[in-house]
Amino acid sequence: MSNKKVLVTGAAGFLGSHLCDKFIANGYDVIGMDNLITGSLRNIEHLVPLKEFQFYHHDVTKFVHVPEKLDYILHFASPASPIDYLKIPIQTLKVGALGTHNLLGLAKNKGARILVASTSEIYGDPLIHPQNEEYWGNVNPIGPRGVYDEAKRFQEAMTMAYHRYHGLETRIVRIFNTYGPRMRLNDGRALPAFMGQALRGEDITVFGDGSQTRSFCYVADLVEGIYRLLLSNYSDPVNIGNPVEITIKQFAEEIIKLTGTKQKIVYKPLPVDDPKQRKPDITKAKQVLDWEPKVSRSEGLKITYDYFKSLPEFKDVVAEV
């Protein structure tokens, strides 16, 4: 009997590439799709020789054709960092709207189950803490971050419409801050920014006074939660993230200690609509998926730092240190 087949959009990105690894390791055939606007072939080059893997260079905002049967679709195509979605705001909106519509149509045509990647950003700058799935959010739709936040909110609405109207099997994961190998150093998020600055000998830049909080989940934990959600019978959104909260200033101090560098922290103005608190309520994930994160932040950060040190642009720098 042939293996079940999975389409992963955004396959050359940080999360998409790890999902490809996960499904291949679990005996699936994987089709990876990416237009490479923010993804990198370096993230999936180890998969290219495998017979279980195919790669389609394609933009999902255009009609998506896959000749083979599909059992599952995971829609992870989207710019996900502030630098990216502020630089390509219209493409960000299109991939959340047109791309999601195209993939829901493909799932309907193939009789496939589809999981879409939503985000904690749909909660905006939250007025409740921690954030649970029943919270509707506090989002500025016309602010600079609105292109990403509203794209994801529309994506959830479209997904649930297909579920209710067409009876399509859908899953929605709301992803909180995640880190690990294959993050891009220049994507604007705190962890790669801090590690890149430390490795280059630059001061660590913190926006605002650093009192804003985040909750960081290691990528292997996140991928396991997504895998369980896809195979579950639960169709409403589920938060997947690590509820251990830390301020950005404390996080910068952890990175300085980990890297053994002597940088100081410098402060810059907080970006517009930047959330002041971010912590997932994962009660639903525990109950429905029997999932919770296993990797401690100290363990995950060490693995991630070793990955960044191994990058070609840092090999000479590390050798000098």
C-alpha atoms as a PDB file:
ATOM      1  CA  MET A   1       0.000   0.000   0.000  1.00  0.00           C
ATOM      2  CA  SER A   2       1.366   3.439  -0.944  1.00  0.00           C
ATOM      3  CA  ASN A   3       2.267   5.959   1.729  1.00  0.00           C
ATOM      4  CA  LYS A   4      -0.156   8.719   2.619  1.00  0.00           C
ATOM      5  CA  LYS A   5       0.703  11.971   0.850  1.00  0.00           C
ATOM      6  CA  VAL A   6       1.025  15.398   2.452  1.00  0.00           C
ATOM      7  CA  LEU A   7       1.319  18.818   0.793  1.00  0.00           C
ATOM      8  CA  VAL A   8       3.216  21.363   2.897  1.00  0.00           C
ATOM      9  CA  THR A   9       3.084  24.965   1.672  1.00  0.00           C
ATOM     10  CA  GLY A  10       5.832  27.261   2.868  1.00  0.00           C
ATOM     11  CA  ALA A  11       7.993  24.141   2.884  1.00  0.00           C
ATOM     12  CA  ALA A  12      11.312  25.977   2.557  1.00  0.00           C
ATOM     13  CA  GLY A  13      10.576  28.154   5.559  1.00  0.00           C
ATOM     14  CA  PHE A  14      11.517  27.668   9.197  1.00  0.00           C
ATOM     15  CA  LEU A  15       8.421  25.768  10.331  1.00  0.00           C
ATOM     16  CA  GLY A  16       7.544  24.257   6.956  1.00  0.00           C
ATOM     17  CA  SER A  17      10.912  22.537   6.603  1.00  0.00           C
ATOM     18  CA  HIS A  18      10.667  20.994  10.076  1.00  0.00           C
ATOM     19  CA  LEU A  19       7.167  19.740   9.240  1.00  0.00           C
ATOM     20  CA  CYS A  20       8.512  18.093   6.088  1.00  0.00           C
ATOM     21  CA  ASP A  21      11.113  16.323   8.242  1.00  0.00           C
ATOM     22  CA  LYS A  22       8.450  15.191  10.711  1.00  0.00           C
ATOM     23  CA  PHE A  23       6.130  13.674   8.143  1.00  0.00           C
ATOM     24  CA  ILE A  24       8.883  11.927   6.194  1.00  0.00           C
ATOM     25  CA  ALA A  25      10.219  10.481   9.469  1.00  0.00           C
ATOM     26  CA  ASN A  26       6.720   9.143  10.148  1.00  0.00           C
ATOM     27  CA  GLY A  27       6.390   7.346   6.821  1.00  0.00           C
ATOM     28  CA  TYR A  28       4.553   9.893   4.676  1.00  0.00           C
ATOM     29  CA  ASP A  29       5.318  11.087   1.162  1.00  0.00           C
ATOM     30  CA  VAL A  30       5.704  14.866   1.153  1.00  0.00           C
ATOM     31  CA  ILE A  31       5.208  17.478  -1.526  1.00  0.00           C
ATOM     32  CA  GLY A  32       6.840  20.733  -0.474  1.00  0.00           C
ATOM     33  CA  MET A  33       5.620  23.945  -2.118  1.00  0.00           C
ATOM     34  CA  ASP A  34       7.211  27.383  -1.790  1.00  0.00           C
ATOM     35  CA  ASN A  35       7.721  30.503  -3.906  1.00  0.00           C
ATOM     36  CA  LEU A  36      10.978  31.204  -2.003  1.00  0.00           C
ATOM     37  CA  ILE A  37      10.138  34.841  -1.252  1.00  0.00           C
ATOM     38  CA  THR A  38      11.106  34.298   2.388  1.00  0.00           C
ATOM     39  CA  GLY A  39      11.982  30.584   2.371  1.00  0.00           C
ATOM     40  CA  SER A  40      15.392  29.109   1.554  1.00  0.00           C
ATOM     41  CA  LEU A  41      16.275  25.969  -0.370  1.00  0.00           C
ATOM     42  CA  ARG A  42      19.051  25.451   2.181  1.00  0.00           C
ATOM     43  CA  ASN A  43      16.349  24.397   4.669  1.00  0.00           C
ATOM     44  CA  ILE A  44      15.238  21.454   2.513  1.00  0.00           C
ATOM     45  CA  GLU A  45      18.368  20.527   0.561  1.00  0.00           C
ATOM     46  CA  HIS A  46      18.777  17.421   2.730  1.00  0.00           C
ATOM     47  CA  LEU A  47      15.327  16.234   1.579  1.00  0.00           C
ATOM     48  CA  VAL A  48      15.799  16.677  -2.169  1.00  0.00           C
ATOM     49  CA  PRO A  49      17.556  13.296  -2.740  1.00  0.00           C
ATOM     50  CA  LEU A  50      14.777  11.374  -0.962  1.00  0.00           C
ATOM     51  CA  LYS A  51      12.208   9.499  -3.046  1.00  0.00           C
ATOM     52  CA  GLU A  52       9.578  10.456  -0.450  1.00  0.00           C
ATOM     53  CA  PHE A  53      10.007  14.162  -1.219  1.00  0.00           C
ATOM     54  CA  GLN A  54       9.048  16.381  -4.132  1.00  0.00           C
ATOM     55  CA  PHE A  55       9.412  20.152  -4.413  1.00  0.00           C
ATOM     56  CA  TYR A  56       7.119  22.490  -6.337  1.00  0.00           C
ATOM     57  CA  HIS A  57       8.363  26.056  -6.837  1.00  0.00           C
ATOM     58  CA  HIS A  58       4.997  27.798  -6.846  1.00  0.00           C
ATOM     59  CA  ASP A  59       3.097  30.796  -5.441  1.00  0.00           C
ATOM     60  CA  VAL A  60      -0.104  29.597  -3.750  1.00  0.00           C
ATOM     61  CA  THR A  61      -1.874  32.887  -4.478  1.00  0.00           C
ATOM     62  CA  LYS A  62      -2.088  31.543  -8.033  1.00  0.00           C
ATOM     63  CA  PHE A  63      -4.086  28.436  -8.973  1.00  0.00           C
ATOM     64  CA  VAL A  64      -2.615  25.365  -7.260  1.00  0.00           C
ATOM     65  CA  HIS A  65      -2.516  22.135  -9.264  1.00  0.00           C
ATOM     66  CA  VAL A  66      -1.249  18.879  -7.782  1.00  0.00           C
ATOM     67  CA  PRO A  67      -1.859  15.864 -10.042  1.00  0.00           C
ATOM     68  CA  GLU A  68      -1.377  13.244  -7.319  1.00  0.00           C
ATOM     69  CA  LYS A  69      -3.815  12.222  -4.639  1.00  0.00           C
ATOM     70  CA  LEU A  70      -3.486  14.106  -1.376  1.00  0.00           C
ATOM     71  CA  ASP A  71      -4.447  12.936   2.086  1.00  0.00           C
ATOM     72  CA  TYR A  72      -3.424  16.055   4.022  1.00  0.00           C
ATOM     73  CA  ILE A  73      -2.555  19.695   3.317  1.00  0.00           C
ATOM     74  CA  LEU A  74      -0.662  21.919   5.746  1.00  0.00           C
ATOM     75  CA  HIS A  75      -0.879  25.590   4.760  1.00  0.00           C
ATOM     76  CA  PHE A  76       2.201  27.344   6.167  1.00  0.00           C
ATOM     77  CA  ALA A  77       2.891  29.723   3.281  1.00  0.00           C
ATOM     78  CA  SER A  78       3.031  33.249   4.683  1.00  0.00           C
ATOM     79  CA  PRO A  79       5.567  35.870   5.668  1.00  0.00           C
ATOM     80  CA  ALA A  80       5.686  35.575   9.453  1.00  0.00           C
ATOM     81  CA  SER A  81       8.141  38.190  10.669  1.00  0.00           C
ATOM     82  CA  PRO A  82       7.572  41.947  10.967  1.00  0.00           C
ATOM     83  CA  ILE A  83      10.438  42.737   8.591  1.00  0.00           C
ATOM     84  CA  ASP A  84       8.865  40.547   5.904  1.00  0.00           C
ATOM     85  CA  TYR A  85       5.218  41.474   6.175  1.00  0.00           C
ATOM     86  CA  LEU A  86       5.989  45.187   6.454  1.00  0.00           C
ATOM     87  CA  LYS A  87       8.131  44.923   3.315  1.00  0.00           C
ATOM     88  CA  ILE A  88       5.602  42.904   1.303  1.00  0.00           C
ATOM     89  CA  PRO A  89       2.242  43.825   2.855  1.00  0.00           C
ATOM     90  CA  ILE A  90       0.058  43.111  -0.181  1.00  0.00           C
ATOM     91  CA  GLN A  91       1.634  39.689  -0.784  1.00  0.00           C
ATOM     92  CA  THR A  92       1.037  38.935   2.912  1.00  0.00           C
ATOM     93  CA  LEU A  93      -2.650  39.751   2.576  1.00  0.00           C
ATOM     94  CA  LYS A  94      -2.924  37.792  -0.676  1.00  0.00           C
ATOM     95  CA  VAL A  95      -1.386  34.608   0.719  1.00  0.00           C
ATOM     96  CA  GLY A  96      -3.760  34.737   3.692  1.00  0.00           C
ATOM     97  CA  ALA A  97      -6.793  35.325   1.472  1.00  0.00           C
ATOM     98  CA  LEU A  98      -6.238  34.032  -2.081  1.00  0.00           C
ATOM     99  CA  GLY A  99      -3.707  31.388  -1.047  1.00  0.00           C
ATOM    100  CA  THR A 100      -5.975  30.006   1.658  1.00  0.00           C
ATOM    101  CA  HIS A 101      -8.945  30.006  -0.737  1.00  0.00           C
ATOM    102  CA  ASN A 102      -6.938  28.115  -3.364  1.00  0.00           C
ATOM    103  CA  LEU A 103      -5.773  25.491  -0.873  1.00  0.00           C
ATOM    104  CA  LEU A 104      -9.193  25.007   0.677  1.00  0.00           C
ATOM    105  CA  GLY A 105     -10.518  24.437  -2.844  1.00  0.00           C
ATOM    106  CA  LEU A 106      -7.732  21.945  -3.505  1.00  0.00           C
ATOM    107  CA  ALA A 107      -8.513  20.114  -0.256  1.00  0.00           C
ATOM    108  CA  LYS A 108     -12.194  19.942  -1.236  1.00  0.00           C
ATOM    109  CA  ASN A 109     -11.310  18.628  -4.691  1.00  0.00           C
ATOM    110  CA  LYS A 110      -8.927  15.995  -3.310  1.00  0.00           C
ATOM    111  CA  GLY A 111     -11.041  15.006  -0.309  1.00  0.00           C
ATOM    112  CA  ALA A 112      -8.048  15.921   1.867  1.00  0.00           C
ATOM    113  CA  ARG A 113      -7.911  17.195   5.427  1.00  0.00           C
ATOM    114  CA  ILE A 114      -6.320  20.653   5.681  1.00  0.00           C
ATOM    115  CA  LEU A 115      -4.561  22.295   8.609  1.00  0.00           C
ATOM    116  CA  VAL A 116      -3.944  26.039   8.382  1.00  0.00           C
ATOM    117  CA  ALA A 117      -1.296  27.883  10.348  1.00  0.00           C
ATOM    118  CA  SER A 118      -2.774  30.772  12.258  1.00  0.00           C
ATOM    119  CA  THR A 119      -0.961  32.785  14.889  1.00  0.00           C
ATOM    120  CA  SER A 120      -1.116  34.362  18.306  1.00  0.00           C
ATOM    121  CA  GLU A 121      -1.110  37.663  16.400  1.00  0.00           C
ATOM    122  CA  ILE A 122      -4.861  37.238  15.848  1.00  0.00           C
ATOM    123  CA  TYR A 123      -5.186  38.221  19.527  1.00  0.00           C
ATOM    124  CA  GLY A 124      -3.419  41.537  18.767  1.00  0.00           C
ATOM    125  CA  ASP A 125      -2.311  43.463  21.852  1.00  0.00           C
ATOM    126  CA  PRO A 126      -4.383  41.298  24.206  1.00  0.00           C
ATOM    127  CA  LEU A 127      -6.639  42.607  26.955  1.00  0.00           C
ATOM    128  CA  ILE A 128      -6.764  39.221  28.705  1.00  0.00           C
ATOM    129  CA  HIS A 129      -3.817  37.197  29.958  1.00  0.00           C
ATOM    130  CA  PRO A 130      -2.984  34.440  29.209  1.00  0.00           C
ATOM    131  CA  GLN A 131      -4.764  34.170  25.868  1.00  0.00           C
ATOM    132  CA  ASN A 132      -7.250  31.344  25.358  1.00  0.00           C
ATOM    133  CA  GLU A 133      -8.982  30.292  22.160  1.00  0.00           C
ATOM    134  CA  GLU A 134     -12.276  31.926  23.142  1.00  0.00           C
ATOM    135  CA  TYR A 135     -10.698  35.402  23.221  1.00  0.00           C
ATOM    136  CA  TRP A 136     -11.555  37.399  20.071  1.00  0.00           C
ATOM    137  CA  GLY A 137      -8.581  39.728  20.213  1.00  0.00           C
ATOM    138  CA  ASN A 138      -7.707  43.427  20.264  1.00  0.00           C
ATOM    139  CA  VAL A 139      -6.439  44.144  16.758  1.00  0.00           C
ATOM    140  CA  ASN A 140      -5.888  47.385  14.849  1.00  0.00           C
ATOM    141  CA  PRO A 141      -6.987  46.443  11.303  1.00  0.00           C
ATOM    142  CA  ILE A 142      -5.450  49.524   9.653  1.00  0.00           C
ATOM    143  CA  GLY A 143      -2.169  49.640  11.581  1.00  0.00           C
ATOM    144  CA  PRO A 144       1.092  48.450  10.014  1.00  0.00           C
ATOM    145  CA  ARG A 145       0.744  45.011  11.637  1.00  0.00           C
ATOM    146  CA  GLY A 146      -2.835  44.714  10.379  1.00  0.00           C
ATOM    147  CA  VAL A 147      -1.691  43.223   7.072  1.00  0.00           C
ATOM    148  CA  TYR A 148      -0.519  40.112   8.916  1.00  0.00           C
ATOM    149  CA  ASP A 149      -3.064  40.041  11.747  1.00  0.00           C
ATOM    150  CA  GLU A 150      -6.087  40.493   9.481  1.00  0.00           C
ATOM    151  CA  ALA A 151      -4.746  38.074   6.858  1.00  0.00           C
ATOM    152  CA  LYS A 152      -4.653  35.394   9.538  1.00  0.00           C
ATOM    153  CA  ARG A 153      -8.054  36.337  10.959  1.00  0.00           C
ATOM    154  CA  PHE A 154      -9.592  36.153   7.470  1.00  0.00           C
ATOM    155  CA  GLN A 155      -7.818  32.827   6.928  1.00  0.00           C
ATOM    156  CA  GLU A 156      -9.475  31.386  10.026  1.00  0.00           C
ATOM    157  CA  ALA A 157     -12.903  32.702   8.921  1.00  0.00           C
ATOM    158  CA  MET A 158     -12.524  31.240   5.428  1.00  0.00           C
ATOM    159  CA  THR A 159     -11.377  27.898   6.845  1.00  0.00           C
ATOM    160  CA  MET A 160     -14.358  27.636   9.177  1.00  0.00           C
ATOM    161  CA  ALA A 161     -16.710  28.637   6.342  1.00  0.00           C
ATOM    162  CA  TYR A 162     -15.436  25.714   4.244  1.00  0.00           C
ATOM    163  CA  HIS A 163     -15.769  23.451   7.248  1.00  0.00           C
ATOM    164  CA  ARG A 164     -19.368  24.474   7.950  1.00  0.00           C
ATOM    165  CA  TYR A 165     -20.644  24.939   4.393  1.00  0.00           C
ATOM    166  CA  HIS A 166     -18.792  22.168   2.553  1.00  0.00           C
ATOM    167  CA  GLY A 167     -18.179  19.775   5.446  1.00  0.00           C
ATOM    168  CA  LEU A 168     -14.439  19.977   4.759  1.00  0.00           C
ATOM    169  CA  GLU A 169     -12.151  18.432   7.370  1.00  0.00           C
ATOM    170  CA  THR A 170     -10.202  21.413   8.691  1.00  0.00           C
ATOM    171  CA  ARG A 171      -7.805  22.115  11.543  1.00  0.00           C
ATOM    172  CA  ILE A 172      -6.527  25.507  12.784  1.00  0.00           C
ATOM    173  CA  VAL A 173      -3.370  25.917  14.866  1.00  0.00           C
ATOM    174  CA  ARG A 174      -2.655  29.228  16.586  1.00  0.00           C
ATOM    175  CA  ILE A 175       1.115  29.352  16.844  1.00  0.00           C
ATOM    176  CA  PHE A 176       2.857  31.319  19.581  1.00  0.00           C
ATOM    177  CA  ASN A 177       6.494  32.456  19.490  1.00  0.00           C
ATOM    178  CA  THR A 178       8.636  29.588  18.265  1.00  0.00           C
ATOM    179  CA  TYR A 179      12.400  29.271  17.836  1.00  0.00           C
ATOM    180  CA  GLY A 180      15.018  26.777  16.720  1.00  0.00           C
ATOM    181  CA  PRO A 181      17.429  25.908  13.919  1.00  0.00           C
ATOM    182  CA  ARG A 182      16.647  27.293  10.432  1.00  0.00           C
ATOM    183  CA  MET A 183      15.327  30.619  11.651  1.00  0.00           C
ATOM    184  CA  ARG A 184      16.568  33.473   9.499  1.00  0.00           C
ATOM    185  CA  LEU A 185      18.969  35.810  11.252  1.00  0.00           C
ATOM    186  CA  ASN A 186      17.514  38.886   9.539  1.00  0.00           C
ATOM    187  CA  ASP A 187      13.818  38.189  10.045  1.00  0.00           C
ATOM    188  CA  GLY A 188      13.370  40.785  12.779  1.00  0.00           C
ATOM    189  CA  ARG A 189      12.241  38.494  15.581  1.00  0.00           C
ATOM    190  CA  ALA A 190      13.885  38.712  18.979  1.00  0.00           C
ATOM    191  CA  LEU A 191      15.802  35.447  19.156  1.00  0.00           C
ATOM    192  CA  PRO A 192      17.645  35.472  15.806  1.00  0.00           C
ATOM    193  CA  ALA A 193      18.182  39.228  16.118  1.00  0.00           C
ATOM    194  CA  PHE A 194      19.744  38.881  19.576  1.00  0.00           C
ATOM    195  CA  MET A 195      21.898  35.887  18.626  1.00  0.00           C
ATOM    196  CA  GLY A 196      23.061  37.528  15.401  1.00  0.00           C
ATOM    197  CA  GLN A 197      24.029  40.699  17.244  1.00  0.00           C
ATOM    198  CA  ALA A 198      25.887  38.722  19.899  1.00  0.00           C
ATOM    199  CA  LEU A 199      27.812  36.722  17.290  1.00  0.00           C
ATOM    200  CA  ARG A 200      28.734  39.900  15.396  1.00  0.00           C
ATOM    201  CA  GLY A 201      29.850  41.634  18.588  1.00  0.00           C
ATOM    202  CA  GLU A 202      27.085  44.237  18.381  1.00  0.00           C
ATOM    203  CA  ASP A 203      25.034  45.623  21.232  1.00  0.00           C
ATOM    204  CA  ILE A 204      21.683  43.902  21.809  1.00  0.00           C
ATOM    205  CA  THR A 205      18.731  46.007  20.622  1.00  0.00           C
ATOM    206  CA  VAL A 206      15.600  45.887  22.762  1.00  0.00           C
ATOM    207  CA  PHE A 207      12.499  47.782  21.671  1.00  0.00           C
ATOM    208  CA  GLY A 208      10.609  49.685  24.354  1.00  0.00           C
ATOM    209  CA  ASP A 209      11.810  49.244  27.926  1.00  0.00           C
ATOM    210  CA  GLY A 210      11.976  45.453  27.560  1.00  0.00           C
ATOM    211  CA  SER A 211       9.093  44.815  29.950  1.00  0.00           C
ATOM    212  CA  GLN A 212       6.914  43.307  27.220  1.00  0.00           C
ATOM    213  CA  THR A 213       6.660  39.531  27.540  1.00  0.00           C
ATOM    214  CA  ARG A 214       6.859  36.586  25.193  1.00  0.00           C
ATOM    215  CA  SER A 215       6.622  32.808  25.645  1.00  0.00           C
ATOM    216  CA  PHE A 216       9.087  30.854  23.519  1.00  0.00           C
ATOM    217  CA  CYS A 217       8.397  27.305  22.283  1.00  0.00           C
ATOM    218  CA  TYR A 218      11.113  25.102  20.803  1.00  0.00           C
ATOM    219  CA  VAL A 219      10.351  24.048  17.240  1.00  0.00           C
ATOM    220  CA  ALA A 220      10.334  20.277  17.873  1.00  0.00           C
ATOM    221  CA  ASP A 221       7.637  20.725  20.525  1.00  0.00           C
ATOM    222  CA  LEU A 222       5.570  22.902  18.207  1.00  0.00           C
ATOM    223  CA  VAL A 223       5.821  20.439  15.312  1.00  0.00           C
ATOM    224  CA  GLU A 224       4.687  17.588  17.564  1.00  0.00           C
ATOM    225  CA  GLY A 225       1.653  19.619  18.617  1.00  0.00           C
ATOM    226  CA  ILE A 226       0.776  20.399  15.001  1.00  0.00           C
ATOM    227  CA  TYR A 227       1.153  16.741  14.050  1.00  0.00           C
ATOM    228  CA  ARG A 228      -1.208  15.672  16.829  1.00  0.00           C
ATOM    229  CA  LEU A 229      -3.732  18.360  15.908  1.00  0.00           C
ATOM    230  CA  LEU A 230      -3.791  17.306  12.250  1.00  0.00           C
ATOM    231  CA  LEU A 231      -4.535  13.706  13.207  1.00  0.00           C
ATOM    232  CA  SER A 232      -7.095  14.646  15.860  1.00  0.00           C
ATOM    233  CA  ASN A 233     -10.853  15.014  15.416  1.00  0.00           C
ATOM    234  CA  TYR A 234     -10.900  18.615  16.654  1.00  0.00           C
ATOM    235  CA  SER A 235     -11.850  21.371  14.188  1.00  0.00           C
ATOM    236  CA  ASP A 236     -11.835  24.536  16.326  1.00  0.00           C
ATOM    237  CA  PRO A 237      -8.621  26.575  16.755  1.00  0.00           C
ATOM    238  CA  VAL A 238      -6.005  25.300  19.221  1.00  0.00           C
ATOM    239  CA  ASN A 239      -3.177  27.289  20.808  1.00  0.00           C
ATOM    240  CA  ILE A 240       0.218  25.626  20.510  1.00  0.00           C
ATOM    241  CA  GLY A 241       3.025  27.292  22.414  1.00  0.00           C
ATOM    242  CA  ASN A 242       5.042  27.302  25.601  1.00  0.00           C
ATOM    243  CA  PRO A 243       3.321  29.041  28.547  1.00  0.00           C
ATOM    244  CA  VAL A 244       6.612  29.870  30.305  1.00  0.00           C
ATOM    245  CA  GLU A 245       6.675  33.677  30.089  1.00  0.00           C
ATOM    246  CA  ILE A 246       9.722  35.966  30.102  1.00  0.00           C
ATOM    247  CA  THR A 247      10.308  39.662  29.527  1.00  0.00           C
ATOM    248  CA  ILE A 248      12.255  40.685  26.446  1.00  0.00           C
ATOM    249  CA  LYS A 249      14.906  42.336  28.650  1.00  0.00           C
ATOM    250  CA  GLN A 250      15.381  39.102  30.608  1.00  0.00           C
ATOM    251  CA  PHE A 251      15.533  37.202  27.337  1.00  0.00           C
ATOM    252  CA  ALA A 252      18.274  39.495  25.997  1.00  0.00           C
ATOM    253  CA  GLU A 253      20.232  38.924  29.209  1.00  0.00           C
ATOM    254  CA  GLU A 254      19.870  35.139  28.747  1.00  0.00           C
ATOM    255  CA  ILE A 255      21.285  35.393  25.220  1.00  0.00           C
ATOM    256  CA  ILE A 256      24.260  37.463  26.418  1.00  0.00           C
ATOM    257  CA  LYS A 257      24.977  34.880  29.118  1.00  0.00           C
ATOM    258  CA  LEU A 258      24.581  31.959  26.696  1.00  0.00           C
ATOM    259  CA  THR A 259      26.899  33.427  24.066  1.00  0.00           C
ATOM    260  CA  GLY A 260      29.497  34.557  26.588  1.00  0.00           C
ATOM    261  CA  THR A 261      29.720  37.968  24.931  1.00  0.00           C
ATOM    262  CA  LYS A 262      30.096  41.352  26.621  1.00  0.00           C
ATOM    263  CA  GLN A 263      27.467  43.341  24.720  1.00  0.00           C
ATOM    264  CA  LYS A 264      25.292  45.844  26.478  1.00  0.00           C
ATOM    265  CA  ILE A 265      21.570  46.273  25.898  1.00  0.00           C
ATOM    266  CA  VAL A 266      20.466  49.374  23.992  1.00  0.00           C
ATOM    267  CA  TYR A 267      16.861  50.521  23.835  1.00  0.00           C
ATOM    268  CA  LYS A 268      14.849  51.817  20.878  1.00  0.00           C
ATOM    269  CA  PRO A 269      11.218  52.967  20.584  1.00  0.00           C
ATOM    270  CA  LEU A 270       8.553  50.255  20.653  1.00  0.00           C
ATOM    271  CA  PRO A 271       6.980  49.603  17.224  1.00  0.00           C
ATOM    272  CA  VAL A 272       3.327  50.536  16.662  1.00  0.00           C
ATOM    273  CA  ASP A 273       0.820  48.008  18.098  1.00  0.00           C
ATOM    274  CA  ASP A 274       3.558  45.742  19.445  1.00  0.00           C
ATOM    275  CA  PRO A 275       1.858  43.374  21.940  1.00  0.00           C
ATOM    276  CA  LYS A 276       2.763  44.045  25.572  1.00  0.00           C
ATOM    277  CA  GLN A 277       2.065  40.476  26.741  1.00  0.00           C
ATOM    278  CA  ARG A 278       2.041  37.148  24.977  1.00  0.00           C
ATOM    279  CA  LYS A 279       1.374  33.861  26.758  1.00  0.00           C
ATOM    280  CA  PRO A 280      -0.744  30.952  25.543  1.00  0.00           C
ATOM    281  CA  ASP A 281      -3.375  29.177  27.562  1.00  0.00           C
ATOM    282  CA  ILE A 282      -2.711  25.594  26.429  1.00  0.00           C
ATOM    283  CA  THR A 283      -5.464  23.923  28.448  1.00  0.00           C
ATOM    284  CA  LYS A 284      -7.191  22.841  25.249  1.00  0.00           C
ATOM    285  CA  ALA A 285      -4.012  21.354  23.752  1.00  0.00           C
ATOM    286  CA  LYS A 286      -3.466  19.344  26.937  1.00  0.00           C
ATOM    287  CA  GLN A 287      -7.045  18.071  26.998  1.00  0.00           C
ATOM    288  CA  VAL A 288      -7.621  17.433  23.277  1.00  0.00           C
ATOM    289  CA  LEU A 289      -4.131  16.481  22.089  1.00  0.00           C
ATOM    290  CA  ASP A 290      -2.436  15.289  25.291  1.00  0.00           C
ATOM    291  CA  TRP A 291       0.284  17.765  24.344  1.00  0.00           C
ATOM    292  CA  GLU A 292       2.509  20.138  26.232  1.00  0.00           C
ATOM    293  CA  PRO A 293       6.060  21.343  25.545  1.00  0.00           C
ATOM    294  CA  LYS A 294       8.942  19.182  26.746  1.00  0.00           C
ATOM    295  CA  VAL A 295      12.097  21.097  25.782  1.00  0.00           C
ATOM    296  CA  SER A 296      13.322  23.636  28.339  1.00  0.00           C
ATOM    297  CA  ARG A 297      14.322  27.079  27.113  1.00  0.00           C
ATOM    298  CA  SER A 298      17.939  26.565  28.225  1.00  0.00           C
ATOM    299  CA  GLU A 299      18.161  23.321  26.243  1.00  0.00           C
ATOM    300  CA  GLY A 300      16.467  24.756  23.149  1.00  0.00           C
ATOM    301  CA  LEU A 301      18.540  27.927  23.151  1.00  0.00           C
ATOM    302  CA  LYS A 302      21.783  25.926  23.318  1.00  0.00           C
ATOM    303  CA  ILE A 303      20.763  23.871  20.252  1.00  0.00           C
ATOM    304  CA  THR A 304      19.726  27.017  18.393  1.00  0.00           C
ATOM    305  CA  TYR A 305      22.932  28.876  19.267  1.00  0.00           C
ATOM    306  CA  ASP A 306      25.030  25.944  18.050  1.00  0.00           C
ATOM    307  CA  TYR A 307      23.097  26.080  14.772  1.00  0.00           C
ATOM    308  CA  PHE A 308      23.740  29.796  14.283  1.00  0.00           C
ATOM    309  CA  LYS A 309      27.431  29.377  15.143  1.00  0.00           C
ATOM    310  CA  SER A 310      27.688  26.758  12.389  1.00  0.00           C
ATOM    311  CA  LEU A 311      26.439  29.085   9.666  1.00  0.00           C
ATOM    312  CA  PRO A 312      29.078  30.063   7.090  1.00  0.00           C
ATOM    313  CA  GLU A 313      28.823  33.765   7.917  1.00  0.00           C
ATOM    314  CA  PHE A 314      29.823  33.110  11.542  1.00  0.00           C
ATOM    315  CA  LYS A 315      32.475  30.398  11.305  1.00  0.00           C
ATOM    316  CA  ASP A 316      35.358  32.886  11.110  1.00  0.00           C
ATOM    317  CA  VAL A 317      33.869  35.079  13.839  1.00  0.00           C
ATOM    318  CA  VAL A 318      33.489  32.161  16.236  1.00  0.00           C
ATOM    319  CA  ALA A 319      37.021  30.970  15.483  1.00  0.00           C
ATOM    320  CA  GLU A 320      38.388  34.410  16.447  1.00  0.00           C
ATOM    321  CA  VAL A 321      36.479  34.355  19.752  1.00  0.00           C
END
